Amino acid sequence: MSKVGGKEKDVKVALSSSLALWLSFTKSELRWVNLTDCGKVRRRYGFNTVYRESSTSAAEGDVRVRFAPSPTGFLHLGGLRTALYNYLFARANRGTFILRIEDTDQNRAVSGAIEKLEETLQWAQLKPDEGPSAGGKFGPYIQSQRLHIYQEHVQTLLSSGAAYRCYCSERRLELMRKDAARRGEPSRYDGKCRNLSEETVKNNTDQRLPFTVRLKLKPTPEPWDDLIKGESSHDIFGIEGDPILLKSDGYPTYHFANVVDDHLMGITHVLRGSEWLSSTPKHILLYKALGWSPPAFGHLPLIVNPDGTKLSKRQGDVNIEHYQTKGYFPQAVINYITSIGGGFHHDTLGKTLEEMVQSFDVKLIRTNPGRLDPTWLTEANRKILKEQAWSKDRGQQSMLASRVREMVNAQFGHRFEAGQEQILSDDYILAIVRWSLQDDRTSVTSDFIKPELDYLWVPPSRSSLSGLASLDKRAESVLKDLLTWLETLGAESNFETDLLLEELRRFIKDHNLETKKFFQLARLALTGSKQGAPLAETISIIGRENVLVRLKAAIDVIKVNSSS
């Protein structure tokens, strides 16, 4: 009879190339089991090294990577960087990019976060090949829907002696943490339940005492050859103690679910942030305890603030929603991320995803933390704005106009008046965009609706025109003369900036006006502010019809105020 540590031992015997049989030795029986019955053997004896526990498996040699966020809120720059580099690695190797939701910490899960994550990936054009919405043959892709799978594999580890039940109360663990803190040492589980007798475990089970399941760590560190950082190791045995795999509520911890899912989904390469570097030996030990080969690991460098401080999720400017709301182009944000981490044979500024795939090389990813440079992002986005605004592709121009129109409608739609339809035309919007880009007045589409530029879309409010008369006692007559003069200029073609500037100078001279005071009066009548862009530019960009309408409204305000 063959026994290992008092437990039954299974031995795989290959009797022929076409038939695999199991020889199972127990205390009282010798049995042959056909491969079709191996599921029963596995469930009974906890043996799980023979075949993949999925109805299908990834073809050998296929690259399969995953992005596995937790649904705890908005996706931030670090998370998007992880998704992007996995996507690029998959596409560069003609592999599969998978989205998996790791929601085992139900206390932190946020309602609607999964949908928001998927929307953000779509916005960034990182479309998963498999995932909660995309589907796939390795689902479910949400961990809370896979609890039965984790329970099954926990039994495997318990049966093999690689894991054990821990009955320590939360109060005892908390006292241990406080004691370690008092001594200035890291909190480490002392292994009290590591070697409980079978009788004690049985008694505790009969009493239905709550328990967690812990992995038995080995004192020898598990080194690995990191795809990015090279030869790496971390001694978790001396620092952490045996980690929890299954919590008392039946949910797995991140580490356990992560390893089980990566194996069953055929993940070949794991690219993730450097914050998970110290957890890798733990994961490798889990793979070995389950009889599996670990994937290749690569740990991406940290992203830090411009001053070198650590990013915080509480920073509003690191959430991807911030960039979406501001009107940044997805391509600019993607370029921004790649400029921080490297990994390319060529500069990524202005490159499309397809171009970045062609240039991507995991060996070129930097190991040092990358500092954010907001100025770089601003320039990258402005570059795309200029390319689209002056593109020869009318479709690109129309898409840009549509983006701006959507923001303008949301901001000013309630203030539009009848007859202002031309304000939302592609030609008018593109003219505004080109004008604003010439002097770098704008960098993102949200700049077009900032308060100092609202006059481009809507006339000034009557309250903002109340100071016209006090600015110049001749205000009404001056504006009437200006209105008459502009009407005589005729066609829109005469409203070019250079021509207008010469004509305005002649108007000022002919009417014996003070230049500074006139410019302030006219600008206030047209924009509601005494400061702003040069008057000739303002008249030219607003356009003849809008200028005439606004001058008439300003004159009317002066009349009403003078009679009241």
Protein backbone atom coordinates (compact mmCIF):
# COMPACT_ATOMS: atom_id res chain seq x y z
CA MET A 1 0.00 0.00 0.00
CA SER A 2 1.33 3.42 -0.94
CA LYS A 3 0.61 6.43 1.26
CA VAL A 4 1.93 9.98 1.37
CA GLY A 5 1.59 11.78 4.69
CA GLY A 6 -1.29 9.49 5.63
CA LYS A 7 -3.24 10.44 2.49
CA GLU A 8 -4.21 8.39 -0.52
CA LYS A 9 -1.91 8.60 -3.49
CA ASP A 10 -3.03 8.50 -7.11
CA VAL A 11 -0.69 7.31 -9.80
CA LYS A 12 -1.33 7.87 -13.47
CA VAL A 13 -0.55 4.85 -15.62
CA ALA A 14 -0.54 5.00 -19.39
CA LEU A 15 -1.33 1.53 -20.76
CA SER A 16 -1.47 2.61 -24.38
CA SER A 17 -1.46 5.72 -26.55
CA SER A 18 -5.23 5.57 -26.86
CA LEU A 19 -6.25 4.63 -23.35
CA ALA A 20 -5.37 6.31 -20.07
CA LEU A 21 -6.21 4.47 -16.91
CA TRP A 22 -5.96 5.40 -13.29
CA LEU A 23 -4.52 3.14 -10.69
CA SER A 24 -5.87 4.14 -7.30
CA PHE A 25 -4.45 2.60 -4.18
CA THR A 26 -6.53 2.81 -1.01
CA LYS A 27 -6.43 0.88 2.24
CA SER A 28 -8.76 -1.85 1.08
CA GLU A 29 -9.09 -1.77 -2.68
CA LEU A 30 -7.29 -1.74 -5.99
CA ARG A 31 -9.38 -0.15 -8.76
CA TRP A 32 -8.90 0.64 -12.46
CA VAL A 33 -10.75 3.70 -13.59
CA ASN A 34 -11.28 4.69 -17.22
CA LEU A 35 -10.53 8.27 -18.25
CA THR A 36 -14.25 8.90 -18.63
CA ASP A 37 -14.57 8.38 -14.87
CA CYS A 38 -11.60 10.56 -13.93
CA GLY A 39 -13.91 13.39 -12.86
CA LYS A 40 -15.27 11.17 -10.10
CA VAL A 41 -11.76 10.20 -9.04
CA ARG A 42 -10.68 13.82 -9.03
CA ARG A 43 -13.62 14.86 -6.88
CA ARG A 44 -13.06 11.98 -4.48
CA TYR A 45 -9.31 12.20 -4.09
CA GLY A 46 -8.65 15.82 -4.93
CA PHE A 47 -6.23 14.98 -7.77
CA ASN A 48 -6.21 17.62 -10.48
CA THR A 49 -3.10 17.45 -12.63
CA VAL A 50 -4.25 15.37 -15.55
CA TYR A 51 -6.40 17.58 -17.76
CA ARG A 52 -7.78 21.07 -18.06
CA GLU A 53 -11.11 21.53 -16.33
CA SER A 54 -12.79 23.26 -19.22
CA SER A 55 -14.84 21.79 -21.98
CA THR A 56 -12.39 23.48 -24.35
CA SER A 57 -8.80 24.57 -24.11
CA ALA A 58 -6.57 27.11 -25.80
CA ALA A 59 -4.50 25.76 -28.66
CA GLU A 60 -0.93 25.12 -27.63
CA GLY A 61 1.27 28.09 -28.46
CA ASP A 62 -1.58 30.60 -28.67
CA VAL A 63 -0.92 33.80 -26.73
CA ARG A 64 -3.73 34.59 -24.29
CA VAL A 65 -3.61 37.61 -21.99
CA ARG A 66 -6.16 39.22 -19.72
CA PHE A 67 -7.07 42.52 -18.13
CA ALA A 68 -8.67 41.74 -14.78
CA PRO A 69 -9.88 44.88 -12.97
CA SER A 70 -12.02 45.06 -9.85
CA PRO A 71 -15.37 46.86 -10.24
CA THR A 72 -14.65 49.35 -7.48
CA GLY A 73 -15.12 52.59 -9.38
CA PHE A 74 -13.79 54.43 -12.39
CA LEU A 75 -10.86 53.12 -14.40
CA HIS A 76 -7.70 55.16 -13.79
CA LEU A 77 -4.53 55.73 -15.81
CA GLY A 78 -2.70 52.78 -14.26
CA GLY A 79 -5.55 50.42 -15.04
CA LEU A 80 -5.89 51.64 -18.61
CA ARG A 81 -2.12 51.25 -19.06
CA THR A 82 -2.37 47.60 -17.95
CA ALA A 83 -5.26 46.99 -20.36
CA LEU A 84 -3.42 48.72 -23.20
CA TYR A 85 -0.17 46.78 -22.84
CA ASN A 86 -2.02 43.47 -22.65
CA TYR A 87 -3.98 44.46 -25.75
CA LEU A 88 -0.81 45.44 -27.63
CA PHE A 89 0.97 42.24 -26.59
CA ALA A 90 -1.98 40.13 -27.76
CA ARG A 91 -2.30 41.91 -31.11
CA ALA A 92 1.47 41.91 -31.73
CA ASN A 93 1.48 38.12 -31.21
CA ARG A 94 -1.87 37.47 -32.95
CA GLY A 95 -3.24 36.35 -29.62
CA THR A 96 -6.40 36.81 -27.56
CA PHE A 97 -7.22 39.75 -25.27
CA ILE A 98 -9.60 38.86 -22.42
CA LEU A 99 -11.55 41.01 -19.97
CA ARG A 100 -12.21 39.33 -16.62
CA ILE A 101 -13.94 41.03 -13.70
CA GLU A 102 -12.41 40.25 -10.29
CA ASP A 103 -15.21 41.06 -7.86
CA THR A 104 -14.40 38.69 -5.01
CA ASP A 105 -14.28 41.63 -2.57
CA GLN A 106 -18.01 42.28 -2.53
CA ASN A 107 -17.70 45.03 0.08
CA ARG A 108 -15.85 47.23 -2.40
CA ALA A 109 -17.89 46.40 -5.51
CA VAL A 110 -19.73 49.40 -7.00
CA SER A 111 -23.03 48.99 -8.80
CA GLY A 112 -22.71 49.74 -12.53
CA ALA A 113 -18.91 49.67 -12.44
CA ILE A 114 -18.63 46.65 -14.77
CA GLU A 115 -20.66 48.38 -17.47
CA LYS A 116 -18.61 51.54 -17.00
CA LEU A 117 -15.35 49.59 -17.34
CA GLU A 118 -16.53 48.05 -20.59
CA GLU A 119 -17.64 51.45 -21.91
CA THR A 120 -14.23 52.93 -21.08
CA LEU A 121 -12.40 50.13 -22.90
CA GLN A 122 -14.66 50.69 -25.91
CA TRP A 123 -13.88 54.43 -25.76
CA ALA A 124 -10.16 53.60 -25.75
CA GLN A 125 -10.74 51.20 -28.68
CA LEU A 126 -9.42 48.26 -26.64
CA LYS A 127 -12.10 45.77 -27.58
CA PRO A 128 -11.81 42.43 -25.71
CA ASP A 129 -12.02 39.21 -27.69
CA GLU A 130 -13.60 37.50 -24.67
CA GLY A 131 -15.34 38.91 -21.63
CA PRO A 132 -18.65 39.49 -19.82
CA SER A 133 -20.28 41.11 -22.87
CA ALA A 134 -18.16 39.59 -25.63
CA GLY A 135 -18.72 36.08 -24.28
CA GLY A 136 -16.34 33.20 -24.97
CA LYS A 137 -15.81 29.52 -24.32
CA PHE A 138 -13.95 30.03 -21.01
CA GLY A 139 -16.69 31.93 -19.15
CA PRO A 140 -18.19 33.04 -16.90
CA TYR A 141 -15.86 36.05 -16.94
CA ILE A 142 -17.09 37.50 -13.64
CA GLN A 143 -15.51 35.83 -10.62
CA SER A 144 -18.60 36.03 -8.37
CA GLN A 145 -20.24 33.68 -10.90
CA ARG A 146 -17.43 31.12 -10.53
CA LEU A 147 -17.58 30.39 -6.78
CA HIS A 148 -18.26 26.68 -7.31
CA ILE A 149 -15.03 26.40 -9.28
CA TYR A 150 -12.94 27.88 -6.46
CA GLN A 151 -14.62 25.64 -3.87
CA GLU A 152 -13.68 22.63 -5.94
CA HIS A 153 -10.02 23.62 -6.18
CA VAL A 154 -9.80 24.47 -2.51
CA GLN A 155 -10.77 20.87 -1.83
CA THR A 156 -7.91 19.80 -4.09
CA LEU A 157 -5.43 21.74 -1.98
CA LEU A 158 -6.92 20.55 1.30
CA SER A 159 -6.81 16.94 0.18
CA SER A 160 -3.19 17.17 -0.91
CA GLY A 161 -2.13 18.88 2.31
CA ALA A 162 -1.02 22.04 0.49
CA ALA A 163 -3.63 24.08 2.36
CA TYR A 164 -5.41 23.91 5.71
CA ARG A 165 -8.45 25.23 7.52
CA CYS A 166 -7.78 28.13 9.88
CA TYR A 167 -10.24 28.67 12.74
CA CYS A 168 -8.58 31.76 14.23
CA SER A 169 -11.12 34.43 15.09
CA GLU A 170 -10.95 37.93 13.66
CA ARG A 171 -10.33 39.21 17.18
CA ARG A 172 -7.23 37.02 17.57
CA LEU A 173 -5.89 38.13 14.19
CA GLU A 174 -6.52 41.78 15.04
CA LEU A 175 -4.62 41.39 18.33
CA MET A 176 -1.72 39.86 16.38
CA ARG A 177 -1.72 42.82 13.96
CA LYS A 178 -1.71 45.33 16.82
CA ASP A 179 1.07 43.48 18.59
CA ALA A 180 3.19 43.45 15.43
CA ALA A 181 2.54 47.17 14.92
CA ARG A 182 3.59 47.86 18.52
CA ARG A 183 6.87 46.06 17.89
CA GLY A 184 7.34 47.82 14.55
CA GLU A 185 7.22 44.55 12.64
CA PRO A 186 5.11 43.45 9.65
CA SER A 187 1.97 41.54 10.55
CA ARG A 188 2.51 37.83 9.97
CA TYR A 189 0.22 34.89 10.69
CA ASP A 190 1.85 32.63 13.28
CA GLY A 191 0.60 29.35 11.82
CA LYS A 192 -1.43 28.28 14.84
CA CYS A 193 -3.82 26.16 12.77
CA ARG A 194 -1.18 24.85 10.37
CA ASN A 195 -0.82 21.42 11.95
CA LEU A 196 -4.15 20.74 13.62
CA SER A 197 -4.91 17.08 14.11
CA GLU A 198 -7.56 15.36 11.98
CA GLU A 199 -9.63 14.89 15.11
CA THR A 200 -9.54 18.62 15.92
CA VAL A 201 -10.51 19.52 12.35
CA LYS A 202 -13.35 16.99 12.48
CA ASN A 203 -14.64 18.35 15.79
CA ASN A 204 -14.50 21.92 14.49
CA THR A 205 -16.32 20.86 11.36
CA ASP A 206 -19.00 19.05 13.36
CA GLN A 207 -19.49 22.24 15.40
CA ARG A 208 -19.66 24.23 12.14
CA LEU A 209 -17.07 26.67 13.34
CA PRO A 210 -16.33 29.39 10.78
CA PHE A 211 -12.98 29.01 9.04
CA THR A 212 -10.77 30.32 6.30
CA VAL A 213 -8.46 28.26 4.12
CA ARG A 214 -4.75 29.11 4.08
CA LEU A 215 -1.94 28.04 1.78
CA LYS A 216 1.10 26.40 3.34
CA LEU A 217 4.01 28.55 2.22
CA LYS A 218 7.49 27.13 1.79
CA PRO A 219 10.53 28.86 3.30
CA THR A 220 12.43 28.76 0.02
CA PRO A 221 11.69 31.82 -2.18
CA GLU A 222 10.36 31.06 -5.66
CA PRO A 223 12.42 33.08 -8.19
CA TRP A 224 11.17 33.78 -11.68
CA ASP A 225 12.43 35.40 -14.86
CA ASP A 226 10.26 38.48 -15.25
CA LEU A 227 9.55 39.54 -18.83
CA ILE A 228 10.33 43.16 -17.93
CA LYS A 229 12.44 43.19 -14.77
CA GLY A 230 14.50 40.05 -15.42
CA GLU A 231 15.52 37.66 -12.62
CA SER A 232 13.27 38.41 -9.63
CA SER A 233 12.46 36.95 -6.22
CA HIS A 234 10.65 37.90 -3.02
CA ASP A 235 10.66 36.04 0.30
CA ILE A 236 7.00 36.08 1.32
CA PHE A 237 7.44 33.25 3.84
CA GLY A 238 9.44 35.38 6.23
CA ILE A 239 7.25 38.46 5.80
CA GLU A 240 3.60 37.49 5.41
CA GLY A 241 3.01 34.02 6.75
CA ASP A 242 0.49 31.63 5.21
CA PRO A 243 -1.97 33.62 3.05
CA ILE A 244 -5.73 33.12 3.04
CA LEU A 245 -7.12 31.48 -0.10
CA LEU A 246 -10.79 31.21 0.83
CA LYS A 247 -12.55 33.63 3.17
CA SER A 248 -15.08 32.60 5.79
CA ASP A 249 -17.92 33.86 3.56
CA GLY A 250 -17.00 31.33 0.89
CA TYR A 251 -15.47 33.91 -1.46
CA PRO A 252 -11.91 33.35 -2.66
CA THR A 253 -9.21 35.94 -2.13
CA TYR A 254 -7.77 37.76 -5.12
CA HIS A 255 -4.65 35.57 -5.15
CA PHE A 256 -6.47 32.24 -5.28
CA ALA A 257 -9.16 33.19 -7.79
CA ASN A 258 -6.55 34.88 -9.95
CA VAL A 259 -4.42 31.76 -10.25
CA VAL A 260 -7.34 29.37 -10.79
CA ASP A 261 -8.92 31.56 -13.45
CA ASP A 262 -5.67 32.25 -15.27
CA HIS A 263 -5.04 28.52 -15.56
CA LEU A 264 -8.55 27.52 -16.57
CA MET A 265 -8.76 30.36 -19.11
CA GLY A 266 -5.45 29.35 -20.66
CA ILE A 267 -3.61 32.58 -19.85
CA THR A 268 -0.06 32.34 -21.19
CA HIS A 269 1.32 35.75 -20.19
CA VAL A 270 0.46 38.01 -17.25
CA LEU A 271 1.31 41.70 -17.69
CA ARG A 272 0.39 43.73 -14.61
CA GLY A 273 1.55 46.61 -12.44
CA SER A 274 4.67 46.47 -10.28
CA GLU A 275 2.51 46.59 -7.16
CA TRP A 276 1.86 42.85 -7.73
CA LEU A 277 5.54 41.96 -7.95
CA SER A 278 5.75 40.82 -4.32
CA SER A 279 2.70 38.57 -4.78
CA THR A 280 4.18 36.61 -7.67
CA PRO A 281 6.04 33.98 -5.53
CA LYS A 282 2.74 33.33 -3.77
CA HIS A 283 1.05 32.74 -7.11
CA ILE A 284 3.86 30.51 -8.37
CA LEU A 285 3.58 28.38 -5.21
CA LEU A 286 -0.16 28.09 -5.82
CA TYR A 287 0.43 26.92 -9.39
CA LYS A 288 2.84 24.27 -8.16
CA ALA A 289 0.52 23.18 -5.36
CA LEU A 290 -2.21 22.61 -7.94
CA GLY A 291 0.16 20.79 -10.29
CA TRP A 292 0.05 23.47 -12.97
CA SER A 293 2.70 25.35 -14.92
CA PRO A 294 2.62 29.11 -14.27
CA PRO A 295 2.37 31.62 -17.12
CA ALA A 296 5.12 34.10 -17.95
CA PHE A 297 4.97 37.19 -15.72
CA GLY A 298 5.85 40.76 -16.62
CA HIS A 299 5.52 43.68 -14.22
CA LEU A 300 4.95 47.13 -15.66
CA PRO A 301 6.72 50.12 -14.06
CA LEU A 302 4.88 52.40 -11.66
CA ILE A 303 3.29 55.60 -12.90
CA VAL A 304 4.06 58.55 -10.62
CA ASN A 305 3.12 62.23 -10.46
CA PRO A 306 5.36 64.89 -12.07
CA ASP A 307 7.02 65.43 -8.68
CA GLY A 308 7.69 61.70 -8.24
CA THR A 309 4.97 61.08 -5.64
CA LYS A 310 2.71 58.07 -5.87
CA LEU A 311 -0.54 58.35 -7.79
CA SER A 312 -3.75 58.20 -5.77
CA LYS A 313 -7.13 57.07 -7.04
CA ARG A 314 -8.54 60.07 -5.20
CA GLN A 315 -6.82 62.37 -7.69
CA GLY A 316 -9.47 63.55 -10.10
CA ASP A 317 -7.01 63.89 -12.97
CA VAL A 318 -6.01 60.22 -13.06
CA ASN A 319 -9.50 58.83 -13.69
CA ILE A 320 -10.16 58.12 -17.35
CA GLU A 321 -13.60 59.71 -16.98
CA HIS A 322 -11.77 63.00 -16.35
CA TYR A 323 -10.13 62.79 -19.78
CA GLN A 324 -13.38 61.75 -21.43
CA THR A 325 -15.31 64.65 -19.87
CA LYS A 326 -12.60 67.13 -20.83
CA GLY A 327 -12.83 65.98 -24.43
CA TYR A 328 -9.44 64.35 -24.87
CA PHE A 329 -9.14 62.02 -27.83
CA PRO A 330 -8.66 58.33 -26.91
CA GLN A 331 -5.60 58.23 -29.14
CA ALA A 332 -3.99 61.12 -27.22
CA VAL A 333 -4.54 59.39 -23.86
CA ILE A 334 -3.17 56.13 -25.26
CA ASN A 335 -0.13 57.96 -26.65
CA TYR A 336 0.31 59.63 -23.26
CA ILE A 337 0.43 56.31 -21.43
CA THR A 338 2.91 54.75 -23.84
CA SER A 339 5.19 57.78 -23.59
CA ILE A 340 5.52 57.02 -19.86
CA GLY A 341 6.23 53.29 -20.00
CA GLY A 342 8.07 52.76 -23.27
CA GLY A 343 7.99 49.43 -25.09
CA PHE A 344 8.24 50.69 -28.68
CA HIS A 345 10.83 50.89 -31.42
CA HIS A 346 9.52 54.33 -32.47
CA ASP A 347 8.05 57.42 -30.82
CA THR A 348 4.31 56.92 -30.22
CA LEU A 349 3.24 60.58 -30.46
CA GLY A 350 0.37 60.76 -32.92
CA LYS A 351 0.46 57.02 -33.65
CA THR A 352 -2.69 54.96 -34.02
CA LEU A 353 -3.27 51.71 -32.15
CA GLU A 354 -2.47 49.72 -35.29
CA GLU A 355 0.83 51.57 -35.72
CA MET A 356 1.71 51.00 -32.06
CA VAL A 357 1.04 47.26 -32.41
CA GLN A 358 3.58 47.12 -35.25
CA SER A 359 6.19 48.94 -33.12
CA PHE A 360 5.53 47.17 -29.79
CA ASP A 361 8.24 45.10 -28.10
CA VAL A 362 7.81 43.92 -24.51
CA LYS A 363 11.60 43.86 -24.09
CA LEU A 364 11.69 47.64 -24.53
CA ILE A 365 9.32 48.42 -21.64
CA ARG A 366 11.14 50.54 -19.07
CA THR A 367 11.77 49.28 -15.55
CA ASN A 368 11.97 52.64 -13.77
CA PRO A 369 8.84 54.52 -12.64
CA GLY A 370 7.43 56.83 -15.31
CA ARG A 371 6.51 60.42 -14.47
CA LEU A 372 3.34 61.97 -15.81
CA ASP A 373 3.82 65.04 -17.99
CA PRO A 374 0.47 66.82 -18.51
CA THR A 375 2.10 69.17 -21.03
CA TRP A 376 2.91 66.18 -23.24
CA LEU A 377 -0.72 65.10 -23.18
CA THR A 378 -1.89 68.63 -24.04
CA GLU A 379 0.41 68.77 -27.05
CA ALA A 380 -0.58 65.28 -28.16
CA ASN A 381 -4.27 66.16 -28.07
CA ARG A 382 -3.75 69.50 -29.83
CA LYS A 383 -1.83 67.68 -32.57
CA ILE A 384 -4.81 65.40 -33.22
CA LEU A 385 -7.19 68.39 -33.16
CA LYS A 386 -5.12 70.11 -35.83
CA GLU A 387 -4.87 66.97 -37.95
CA GLN A 388 -8.64 66.49 -37.93
CA ALA A 389 -9.52 70.18 -38.37
CA TRP A 390 -7.39 70.51 -41.51
CA SER A 391 -7.82 66.94 -42.70
CA LYS A 392 -8.54 66.34 -46.38
CA ASP A 393 -10.90 63.60 -45.25
CA ARG A 394 -14.31 65.22 -44.95
CA GLY A 395 -15.42 62.34 -42.76
CA GLN A 396 -12.78 63.17 -40.15
CA GLN A 397 -13.78 66.82 -40.23
CA SER A 398 -17.42 65.88 -39.75
CA MET A 399 -16.58 63.62 -36.79
CA LEU A 400 -14.68 66.45 -35.12
CA ALA A 401 -17.57 68.88 -35.72
CA SER A 402 -19.95 66.33 -34.23
CA ARG A 403 -17.83 66.02 -31.04
CA VAL A 404 -17.82 69.79 -30.57
CA ARG A 405 -21.51 70.10 -31.46
CA GLU A 406 -22.46 67.56 -28.80
CA MET A 407 -20.67 69.57 -26.12
CA VAL A 408 -22.06 72.90 -27.34
CA ASN A 409 -25.60 71.54 -27.37
CA ALA A 410 -25.22 70.18 -23.86
CA GLN A 411 -23.81 73.47 -22.56
CA PHE A 412 -25.76 76.11 -24.47
CA GLY A 413 -28.74 74.38 -26.08
CA HIS A 414 -31.17 76.01 -23.66
CA ARG A 415 -29.95 79.47 -24.73
CA PHE A 416 -30.26 79.00 -28.48
CA GLU A 417 -32.74 81.24 -30.23
CA ALA A 418 -34.65 80.79 -33.48
CA GLY A 419 -32.48 81.43 -36.52
CA GLN A 420 -29.24 80.24 -34.90
CA GLU A 421 -29.10 76.96 -36.80
CA GLN A 422 -25.92 78.03 -38.64
CA ILE A 423 -24.11 78.08 -35.30
CA LEU A 424 -24.20 74.28 -35.25
CA SER A 425 -23.26 73.72 -38.89
CA ASP A 426 -20.07 71.80 -39.66
CA ASP A 427 -18.62 74.80 -41.50
CA TYR A 428 -19.15 77.19 -38.59
CA ILE A 429 -17.81 74.74 -35.99
CA LEU A 430 -14.72 73.90 -38.06
CA ALA A 431 -14.04 77.60 -38.60
CA ILE A 432 -14.14 78.13 -34.83
CA VAL A 433 -11.83 75.15 -34.24
CA ARG A 434 -9.27 76.30 -36.80
CA TRP A 435 -9.31 79.86 -35.52
CA SER A 436 -8.81 78.77 -31.89
CA LEU A 437 -5.96 76.41 -32.77
CA GLN A 438 -3.93 79.05 -34.58
CA ASP A 439 -3.01 80.79 -31.35
CA ASP A 440 -3.27 77.65 -29.17
CA ARG A 441 -6.37 78.98 -27.43
CA THR A 442 -7.67 75.42 -27.18
CA SER A 443 -6.19 71.97 -26.58
CA VAL A 444 -9.24 69.79 -25.90
CA THR A 445 -12.83 69.94 -27.13
CA SER A 446 -14.10 71.10 -23.73
CA ASP A 447 -12.06 74.29 -24.23
CA PHE A 448 -14.58 75.37 -26.84
CA ILE A 449 -17.27 75.77 -24.19
CA LYS A 450 -15.23 77.48 -21.48
CA PRO A 451 -16.81 80.74 -20.23
CA GLU A 452 -14.47 83.11 -22.06
CA LEU A 453 -15.48 81.58 -25.40
CA ASP A 454 -19.24 81.26 -24.87
CA TYR A 455 -19.80 84.28 -27.16
CA LEU A 456 -18.83 82.04 -30.08
CA TRP A 457 -22.06 80.09 -29.62
CA VAL A 458 -24.60 82.36 -27.93
CA PRO A 459 -25.16 86.13 -27.79
CA PRO A 460 -24.33 87.96 -24.57
CA SER A 461 -27.07 88.12 -21.95
CA ARG A 462 -28.97 91.39 -21.56
CA SER A 463 -27.57 91.77 -18.05
CA SER A 464 -23.99 91.64 -19.38
CA LEU A 465 -24.86 94.54 -21.73
CA SER A 466 -26.13 96.81 -18.96
CA GLY A 467 -22.79 98.63 -18.73
CA LEU A 468 -22.72 99.84 -22.33
CA ALA A 469 -24.10 103.31 -21.63
CA SER A 470 -21.79 103.91 -18.70
CA LEU A 471 -18.78 102.94 -20.83
CA ASP A 472 -19.47 105.71 -23.34
CA LYS A 473 -22.22 108.29 -23.21
CA ARG A 474 -22.36 108.14 -27.03
CA ALA A 475 -22.70 104.35 -26.93
CA GLU A 476 -26.05 104.17 -28.72
CA SER A 477 -25.05 106.44 -31.59
CA VAL A 478 -21.63 104.80 -31.98
CA LEU A 479 -23.17 101.33 -32.19
CA LYS A 480 -25.82 102.55 -34.65
CA ASP A 481 -23.07 103.98 -36.85
CA LEU A 482 -21.13 100.73 -36.57
CA LEU A 483 -24.21 98.73 -37.52
CA THR A 484 -24.85 100.89 -40.59
CA TRP A 485 -21.22 100.72 -41.61
CA LEU A 486 -21.06 96.93 -41.30
CA GLU A 487 -24.23 96.55 -43.34
CA THR A 488 -22.62 98.54 -46.15
CA LEU A 489 -19.70 96.11 -46.25
CA GLY A 490 -22.06 93.67 -47.84
CA ALA A 491 -21.04 90.06 -48.41
CA GLU A 492 -19.44 87.73 -45.87
CA SER A 493 -16.28 87.71 -47.98
CA ASN A 494 -15.63 91.27 -46.87
CA PHE A 495 -15.43 90.13 -43.24
CA GLU A 496 -11.92 88.73 -43.48
CA THR A 497 -9.80 89.74 -40.48
CA ASP A 498 -7.11 91.72 -42.34
CA LEU A 499 -9.65 93.66 -44.40
CA LEU A 500 -11.80 94.35 -41.36
CA LEU A 501 -8.86 95.69 -39.36
CA GLU A 502 -8.14 98.31 -42.02
CA GLU A 503 -11.82 99.23 -42.30
CA LEU A 504 -12.20 99.54 -38.51
CA ARG A 505 -9.26 101.91 -38.35
CA ARG A 506 -10.89 104.02 -41.08
CA PHE A 507 -14.21 103.91 -39.20
CA ILE A 508 -12.57 105.12 -35.97
CA LYS A 509 -10.84 107.95 -37.81
CA ASP A 510 -13.93 109.01 -39.78
CA HIS A 511 -16.09 109.14 -36.60
CA ASN A 512 -13.42 110.79 -34.48
CA LEU A 513 -13.47 107.99 -31.84
CA GLU A 514 -11.01 107.06 -29.14
CA THR A 515 -9.56 103.73 -30.26
CA LYS A 516 -9.35 101.96 -26.89
CA LYS A 517 -12.81 103.04 -25.75
CA PHE A 518 -14.36 102.07 -29.09
CA PHE A 519 -12.83 98.61 -29.07
CA GLN A 520 -14.10 98.01 -25.51
CA LEU A 521 -17.60 99.22 -26.42
CA ALA A 522 -17.87 97.13 -29.58
CA ARG A 523 -16.38 94.04 -27.91
CA LEU A 524 -18.80 94.36 -24.97
CA ALA A 525 -21.75 94.65 -27.34
CA LEU A 526 -20.71 91.57 -29.30
CA THR A 527 -19.33 89.29 -26.57
CA GLY A 528 -20.53 90.63 -23.21
CA SER A 529 -16.93 91.31 -22.13
CA LYS A 530 -14.55 94.26 -22.56
CA GLN A 531 -11.54 91.93 -22.88
CA GLY A 532 -10.94 89.15 -25.34
CA ALA A 533 -9.69 88.42 -28.84
CA PRO A 534 -8.92 91.35 -31.19
CA LEU A 535 -12.13 92.98 -32.42
CA ALA A 536 -11.49 92.31 -36.11
CA GLU A 537 -10.96 88.60 -35.35
CA THR A 538 -14.09 88.52 -33.21
CA ILE A 539 -16.27 90.06 -35.93
CA SER A 540 -14.76 87.77 -38.57
CA ILE A 541 -15.18 84.54 -36.60
CA ILE A 542 -18.72 85.28 -35.36
CA GLY A 543 -19.80 86.14 -38.87
CA ARG A 544 -21.77 88.94 -40.47
CA GLU A 545 -25.31 87.85 -39.59
CA ASN A 546 -24.52 87.17 -35.92
CA VAL A 547 -22.71 90.50 -35.57
CA LEU A 548 -25.65 92.46 -36.99
CA VAL A 549 -28.13 90.66 -34.73
CA ARG A 550 -26.01 91.31 -31.63
CA LEU A 551 -25.48 94.99 -32.41
CA LYS A 552 -29.24 95.49 -32.77
CA ALA A 553 -29.80 93.71 -29.42
CA ALA A 554 -27.18 95.91 -27.72
CA ILE A 555 -28.76 99.09 -29.08
CA ASP A 556 -32.14 97.91 -27.83
CA VAL A 557 -30.74 97.30 -24.32
CA ILE A 558 -29.34 100.86 -24.22
CA LYS A 559 -32.70 102.27 -25.28
CA VAL A 560 -34.64 100.28 -22.70
CA ASN A 561 -32.23 101.16 -19.90
CA SER A 562 -32.23 104.88 -20.77
CA SER A 563 -36.02 105.05 -20.73
CA SER A 564 -36.43 103.28 -17.39
